[in-house]
């Protein structure tokens, strides 16, 4: 059985659907899940909730979308013969939209990942 709803009710449901967690309490130390989040970070702005090393919980609005990172802060291309810096697979570096800088989080400390609501000016 279906229920007829108004356009407002539909838009409210759609809004709630878009705000729902992509992942929540599902174990982010799984490489497949990490790959899914990394892919989303390339095309979306996400809110990542995690526990900091000092035990505080933090919500970070972040991305890896080139268009959202200021030109002067974007990673520089490697010079010929230059090797990339080694990365720690347990950490993820991201551009923090609100702090306007590069930050990182530890995958094992991630609690949830949601699509961010961004206010445009």
Protein backbone atom coordinates (compact mmCIF):
# COMPACT_ATOMS: atom_id res chain seq x y z
CA UNK A 1 0.00 0.00 0.00
CA UNK A 2 1.26 3.47 -0.90
CA UNK A 3 0.62 6.75 0.84
CA UNK A 4 0.08 9.92 -1.15
CA UNK A 5 2.30 12.71 0.20
CA UNK A 6 2.63 16.39 -0.59
CA UNK A 7 5.57 17.91 -2.44
CA UNK A 8 6.75 19.44 0.87
CA UNK A 9 6.69 16.05 2.58
CA UNK A 10 8.58 14.56 -0.36
CA UNK A 11 11.23 17.31 -0.23
CA UNK A 12 11.61 16.81 3.53
CA UNK A 13 12.13 13.07 3.01
CA UNK A 14 14.61 13.76 0.23
CA UNK A 15 16.50 16.20 2.46
CA UNK A 16 16.66 13.62 5.26
CA UNK A 17 17.79 10.95 2.79
CA UNK A 18 20.66 13.13 1.55
CA UNK A 19 21.80 13.81 5.12
CA UNK A 20 21.82 10.16 6.14
CA UNK A 21 25.10 8.50 6.95
CA UNK A 22 26.92 6.91 4.11
CA UNK A 23 28.61 4.71 6.68
CA UNK A 24 28.19 4.60 10.42
CA UNK A 25 29.86 2.37 13.02
CA UNK A 26 30.82 -0.17 10.41
CA UNK A 27 34.57 -0.55 10.87
CA UNK A 28 36.62 1.81 8.79
CA UNK A 29 39.81 -0.21 8.99
CA UNK A 30 38.45 -2.32 6.10
CA UNK A 31 40.33 -1.40 2.90
CA UNK A 32 37.24 -1.81 0.70
CA UNK A 33 35.26 0.62 2.84
CA UNK A 34 38.21 3.03 2.89
CA UNK A 35 38.36 2.89 -0.91
CA UNK A 36 34.64 3.76 -1.10
CA UNK A 37 35.10 6.76 1.20
CA UNK A 38 38.21 7.90 -0.70
CA UNK A 39 36.24 7.74 -3.94
CA UNK A 40 33.48 9.86 -2.37
CA UNK A 41 36.08 12.34 -1.09
CA UNK A 42 37.25 12.84 -4.70
CA UNK A 43 33.80 14.07 -5.78
CA UNK A 44 31.98 15.21 -2.62
CA UNK A 45 32.38 17.16 0.59
CA UNK A 46 31.92 14.81 3.53
CA UNK A 47 31.57 15.11 7.28
CA UNK A 48 33.84 12.61 8.98
CA UNK A 49 33.23 12.01 12.67
CA UNK A 50 36.18 10.48 14.47
CA UNK A 51 37.88 10.24 17.84
CA UNK A 52 41.06 12.31 18.11
CA UNK A 53 44.19 10.87 19.73
CA UNK A 54 43.37 12.81 22.92
CA UNK A 55 39.96 11.11 23.13
CA UNK A 56 37.86 14.07 21.96
CA UNK A 57 35.27 13.47 19.26
CA UNK A 58 35.53 15.71 16.20
CA UNK A 59 33.41 16.29 13.12
CA UNK A 60 35.50 17.43 10.17
CA UNK A 61 34.04 18.79 6.94
CA UNK A 62 36.52 17.63 4.34
CA UNK A 63 37.22 16.68 0.75
CA UNK A 64 39.83 15.73 -1.82
CA UNK A 65 38.03 17.56 -4.66
CA UNK A 66 40.62 19.65 -6.45
CA UNK A 67 38.07 22.37 -7.17
CA UNK A 68 37.43 22.86 -3.43
CA UNK A 69 41.12 23.22 -2.54
CA UNK A 70 42.73 26.65 -3.04
CA UNK A 71 45.28 26.68 -5.85
CA UNK A 72 48.19 27.49 -3.51
CA UNK A 73 47.30 24.55 -1.22
CA UNK A 74 46.91 21.89 -3.89
CA UNK A 75 49.51 19.13 -3.97
CA UNK A 76 52.33 19.91 -6.38
CA UNK A 77 53.03 17.47 -9.21
CA UNK A 78 56.16 15.38 -8.81
CA UNK A 79 59.27 16.55 -10.63
CA UNK A 80 60.87 14.15 -13.08
CA UNK A 81 62.70 11.45 -11.13
CA UNK A 82 61.15 12.56 -7.82
CA UNK A 83 59.59 9.83 -5.70
CA UNK A 84 56.36 10.41 -3.78
CA UNK A 85 56.53 10.80 -0.02
CA UNK A 86 55.61 7.59 1.78
CA UNK A 87 52.10 7.55 3.23
CA UNK A 88 50.71 5.74 6.24
CA UNK A 89 47.83 3.48 5.10
CA UNK A 90 46.23 3.83 8.56
CA UNK A 91 45.77 7.60 8.09
CA UNK A 92 43.88 9.69 5.55
CA UNK A 93 44.94 13.23 4.63
CA UNK A 94 42.11 15.54 3.55
CA UNK A 95 41.44 19.22 2.96
CA UNK A 96 39.48 20.57 5.95
CA UNK A 97 36.94 22.98 4.43
CA UNK A 98 36.28 24.91 7.65
CA UNK A 99 39.87 25.08 8.95
CA UNK A 100 41.12 25.77 5.41
CA UNK A 101 44.08 23.45 5.76
CA UNK A 102 45.30 19.90 5.38
CA UNK A 103 44.34 17.59 8.23
CA UNK A 104 44.28 13.85 8.72
CA UNK A 105 42.37 11.22 10.61
CA UNK A 106 43.09 7.64 11.61
CA UNK A 107 40.80 5.17 9.84
CA UNK A 108 40.37 2.98 12.92
CA UNK A 109 39.05 6.01 14.87
CA UNK A 110 36.33 6.94 12.37
CA UNK A 111 32.81 6.72 13.77
CA UNK A 112 30.72 7.84 10.78
CA UNK A 113 30.88 9.47 7.37
CA UNK A 114 28.02 11.59 6.00
CA UNK A 115 27.50 13.85 3.03
CA UNK A 116 28.08 17.41 4.20
CA UNK A 117 25.52 20.17 4.00
CA UNK A 118 27.33 23.14 2.56
CA UNK A 119 25.94 26.64 2.66
CA UNK A 120 26.70 28.64 -0.44
CA UNK A 121 27.22 32.38 -0.38
